[in-house]
C-alpha atoms as a PDB file:
ATOM      1  CA  MET A   1     -30.169   9.060 -13.191  1.00  0.00           C
ATOM      2  CA  ALA A   2     -30.756  10.794  -9.877  1.00  0.00           C
ATOM      3  CA  SER A   3     -34.269   9.376  -9.597  1.00  0.00           C
ATOM      4  CA  LEU A   4     -32.954   5.879 -10.371  1.00  0.00           C
ATOM      5  CA  LEU A   5     -30.347   6.140  -7.630  1.00  0.00           C
ATOM      6  CA  ASN A   6     -32.814   7.621  -5.177  1.00  0.00           C
ATOM      7  CA  SER A   7     -35.259   4.768  -5.789  1.00  0.00           C
ATOM      8  CA  HIS A   8     -32.523   2.311  -4.746  1.00  0.00           C
ATOM      9  CA  LYS A   9     -30.905   4.401  -2.016  1.00  0.00           C
ATOM     10  CA  TYR A  10     -31.703   1.965   0.767  1.00  0.00           C
ATOM     11  CA  ASN A  11     -31.194  -1.182  -1.285  1.00  0.00           C
ATOM     12  CA  LYS A  12     -28.104  -2.660   0.358  1.00  0.00           C
ATOM     13  CA  THR A  13     -27.706  -5.246  -2.420  1.00  0.00           C
ATOM     14  CA  VAL A  14     -26.601  -2.604  -4.934  1.00  0.00           C
ATOM     15  CA  SER A  15     -22.959  -2.042  -4.116  1.00  0.00           C
ATOM     16  CA  SER A  16     -21.389  -1.567  -7.534  1.00  0.00           C
ATOM     17  CA  LEU A  17     -22.248   0.768 -10.373  1.00  0.00           C
ATOM     18  CA  ASN A  18     -20.552   0.199 -13.726  1.00  0.00           C
ATOM     19  CA  LEU A  19     -21.179   3.189 -15.969  1.00  0.00           C
ATOM     20  CA  SER A  20     -18.310   2.566 -18.361  1.00  0.00           C
ATOM     21  CA  LYS A  21     -18.939   3.361 -22.026  1.00  0.00           C
ATOM     22  CA  ASN A  22     -21.963   5.537 -21.252  1.00  0.00           C
ATOM     23  CA  TYR A  23     -20.340   8.751 -22.491  1.00  0.00           C
ATOM     24  CA  LEU A  24     -21.574  10.694 -19.491  1.00  0.00           C
ATOM     25  CA  LYS A  25     -19.073  13.475 -20.116  1.00  0.00           C
ATOM     26  CA  ASP A  26     -18.530  16.149 -17.475  1.00  0.00           C
ATOM     27  CA  ASP A  27     -22.166  17.208 -17.124  1.00  0.00           C
ATOM     28  CA  GLY A  28     -23.317  13.635 -16.553  1.00  0.00           C
ATOM     29  CA  VAL A  29     -20.625  12.988 -13.960  1.00  0.00           C
ATOM     30  CA  LYS A  30     -21.576  16.179 -12.144  1.00  0.00           C
ATOM     31  CA  LEU A  31     -25.194  14.962 -11.948  1.00  0.00           C
ATOM     32  CA  LEU A  32     -24.007  11.534 -10.826  1.00  0.00           C
ATOM     33  CA  ALA A  33     -21.724  12.982  -8.144  1.00  0.00           C
ATOM     34  CA  ASP A  34     -24.575  15.042  -6.714  1.00  0.00           C
ATOM     35  CA  ALA A  35     -26.884  12.000  -6.800  1.00  0.00           C
ATOM     36  CA  ILE A  36     -24.551   9.597  -4.951  1.00  0.00           C
ATOM     37  CA  ILE A  37     -23.801  11.872  -2.005  1.00  0.00           C
ATOM     38  CA  ASP A  38     -25.641   9.585   0.443  1.00  0.00           C
ATOM     39  CA  TYR A  39     -25.767   6.480  -1.742  1.00  0.00           C
ATOM     40  CA  PRO A  40     -24.359   3.268  -0.216  1.00  0.00           C
ATOM     41  CA  ILE A  41     -22.174   2.419  -3.205  1.00  0.00           C
ATOM     42  CA  VAL A  42     -18.833   0.642  -2.803  1.00  0.00           C
ATOM     43  CA  ALA A  43     -17.498   0.540  -6.384  1.00  0.00           C
ATOM     44  CA  LEU A  44     -17.962   3.015  -9.227  1.00  0.00           C
ATOM     45  CA  ASN A  45     -16.586   2.519 -12.734  1.00  0.00           C
ATOM     46  CA  LEU A  46     -16.491   5.660 -14.884  1.00  0.00           C
ATOM     47  CA  SER A  47     -14.066   4.466 -17.547  1.00  0.00           C
ATOM     48  CA  ASN A  48     -14.626   5.420 -21.163  1.00  0.00           C
ATOM     49  CA  ASN A  49     -16.961   8.369 -20.492  1.00  0.00           C
ATOM     50  CA  GLU A  50     -15.077  11.226 -22.184  1.00  0.00           C
ATOM     51  CA  LEU A  51     -14.364  12.968 -18.889  1.00  0.00           C
ATOM     52  CA  SER A  52     -12.133  15.971 -18.509  1.00  0.00           C
ATOM     53  CA  TYR A  53     -10.572  17.445 -15.393  1.00  0.00           C
ATOM     54  CA  LYS A  54     -13.789  19.428 -14.776  1.00  0.00           C
ATOM     55  CA  GLY A  55     -15.899  16.322 -14.167  1.00  0.00           C
ATOM     56  CA  VAL A  56     -13.134  14.716 -12.100  1.00  0.00           C
ATOM     57  CA  HIS A  57     -12.796  17.880 -10.020  1.00  0.00           C
ATOM     58  CA  HIS A  58     -16.519  17.987  -9.227  1.00  0.00           C
ATOM     59  CA  LEU A  59     -16.630  14.308  -8.285  1.00  0.00           C
ATOM     60  CA  CYS A  60     -13.534  14.650  -6.090  1.00  0.00           C
ATOM     61  CA  SER A  61     -15.052  17.710  -4.411  1.00  0.00           C
ATOM     62  CA  VAL A  62     -18.163  15.708  -3.501  1.00  0.00           C
ATOM     63  CA  LEU A  63     -16.030  12.823  -2.193  1.00  0.00           C
ATOM     64  CA  ALA A  64     -13.791  15.183  -0.214  1.00  0.00           C
ATOM     65  CA  LEU A  65     -16.852  16.565   1.554  1.00  0.00           C
ATOM     66  CA  GLY A  66     -17.909  13.065   2.609  1.00  0.00           C
ATOM     67  CA  GLY A  67     -20.138  12.088  -0.299  1.00  0.00           C
ATOM     68  CA  ALA A  68     -20.608   8.387  -1.089  1.00  0.00           C
ATOM     69  CA  PRO A  69     -19.240   7.363   2.310  1.00  0.00           C
ATOM     70  CA  GLY A  70     -18.924   3.676   1.454  1.00  0.00           C
ATOM     71  CA  LEU A  71     -16.984   4.146  -1.779  1.00  0.00           C
ATOM     72  CA  VAL A  72     -13.712   2.225  -1.770  1.00  0.00           C
ATOM     73  CA  HIS A  73     -13.133   1.580  -5.490  1.00  0.00           C
ATOM     74  CA  LEU A  74     -13.238   4.308  -8.115  1.00  0.00           C
ATOM     75  CA  CYS A  75     -12.170   3.458 -11.651  1.00  0.00           C
ATOM     76  CA  PHE A  76     -11.612   6.086 -14.329  1.00  0.00           C
ATOM     77  CA  SER A  77      -9.895   3.929 -16.899  1.00  0.00           C
ATOM     78  CA  ASN A  78      -8.928   0.487 -18.027  1.00  0.00           C
ATOM     79  CA  VAL A  79      -6.362  -0.586 -20.592  1.00  0.00           C
ATOM     80  CA  GLU A  80      -8.619  -0.497 -23.654  1.00  0.00           C
ATOM     81  CA  ALA A  81     -10.308   2.774 -22.645  1.00  0.00           C
ATOM     82  CA  LEU A  82      -7.263   4.743 -21.594  1.00  0.00           C
ATOM     83  CA  GLN A  83      -7.738   7.561 -24.090  1.00  0.00           C
ATOM     84  CA  LYS A  84     -11.515   7.954 -23.607  1.00  0.00           C
ATOM     85  CA  ASN A  85     -11.155   9.896 -20.359  1.00  0.00           C
ATOM     86  CA  ARG A  86      -8.933  12.899 -20.879  1.00  0.00           C
ATOM     87  CA  ILE A  87      -8.506  14.180 -17.372  1.00  0.00           C
ATOM     88  CA  GLY A  88      -5.127  15.770 -18.104  1.00  0.00           C
ATOM     89  CA  TRP A  89      -2.660  16.985 -15.531  1.00  0.00           C
ATOM     90  CA  GLN A  90      -5.344  19.047 -13.781  1.00  0.00           C
ATOM     91  CA  GLY A  91      -7.485  15.957 -13.178  1.00  0.00           C
ATOM     92  CA  GLY A  92      -4.436  13.994 -12.098  1.00  0.00           C
ATOM     93  CA  LYS A  93      -3.552  16.726  -9.622  1.00  0.00           C
ATOM     94  CA  THR A  94      -7.095  16.725  -8.230  1.00  0.00           C
ATOM     95  CA  LEU A  95      -7.026  12.940  -7.842  1.00  0.00           C
ATOM     96  CA  GLY A  96      -3.641  13.179  -6.140  1.00  0.00           C
ATOM     97  CA  GLU A  97      -4.977  15.733  -3.670  1.00  0.00           C
ATOM     98  CA  LEU A  98      -7.913  13.448  -2.899  1.00  0.00           C
ATOM     99  CA  LEU A  99      -5.569  10.531  -2.257  1.00  0.00           C
ATOM    100  CA  ARG A 100      -3.299  12.666  -0.102  1.00  0.00           C
ATOM    101  CA  MET A 101      -6.211  13.615   2.100  1.00  0.00           C
ATOM    102  CA  GLN A 102      -6.831   9.899   2.781  1.00  0.00           C
ATOM    103  CA  ILE A 103     -10.513  10.508   3.278  1.00  0.00           C
ATOM    104  CA  ARG A 104     -11.810   8.138   5.932  1.00  0.00           C
ATOM    105  CA  ASP A 105      -8.980   5.674   5.203  1.00  0.00           C
ATOM    106  CA  ARG A 106     -10.515   4.761   1.856  1.00  0.00           C
ATOM    107  CA  ASN A 107      -8.640   2.440  -0.414  1.00  0.00           C
ATOM    108  CA  LEU A 108      -9.781   4.554  -3.374  1.00  0.00           C
ATOM    109  CA  LEU A 109      -8.812   5.046  -6.999  1.00  0.00           C
ATOM    110  CA  LYS A 110      -7.860   2.457  -9.502  1.00  0.00           C
ATOM    111  CA  LEU A 111      -6.607   4.472 -12.444  1.00  0.00           C
END
């Protein structure tokens, strides 16, 4: 995944990445988060990937440090996939902290 993203890093036409129903789990999201640090992505859909608070925490940590600077839409769930990501109260707390920080005035997080 990292090599795929790196090969398109300067392709300004790729602004959205829909990875829903890929069952990335926490390890996959950690790899993704590290790969998109400088990637010019605007929207990222991670719904239905069996994520826990650990994957959410790592992704939020990368975003809090300025990773994926163009990201304005982050989706962890949709109506039919609500139970596939089990981020729990810990993940919810991490997401809340990210929102509270209002990183670079992002209009982030569609839950």
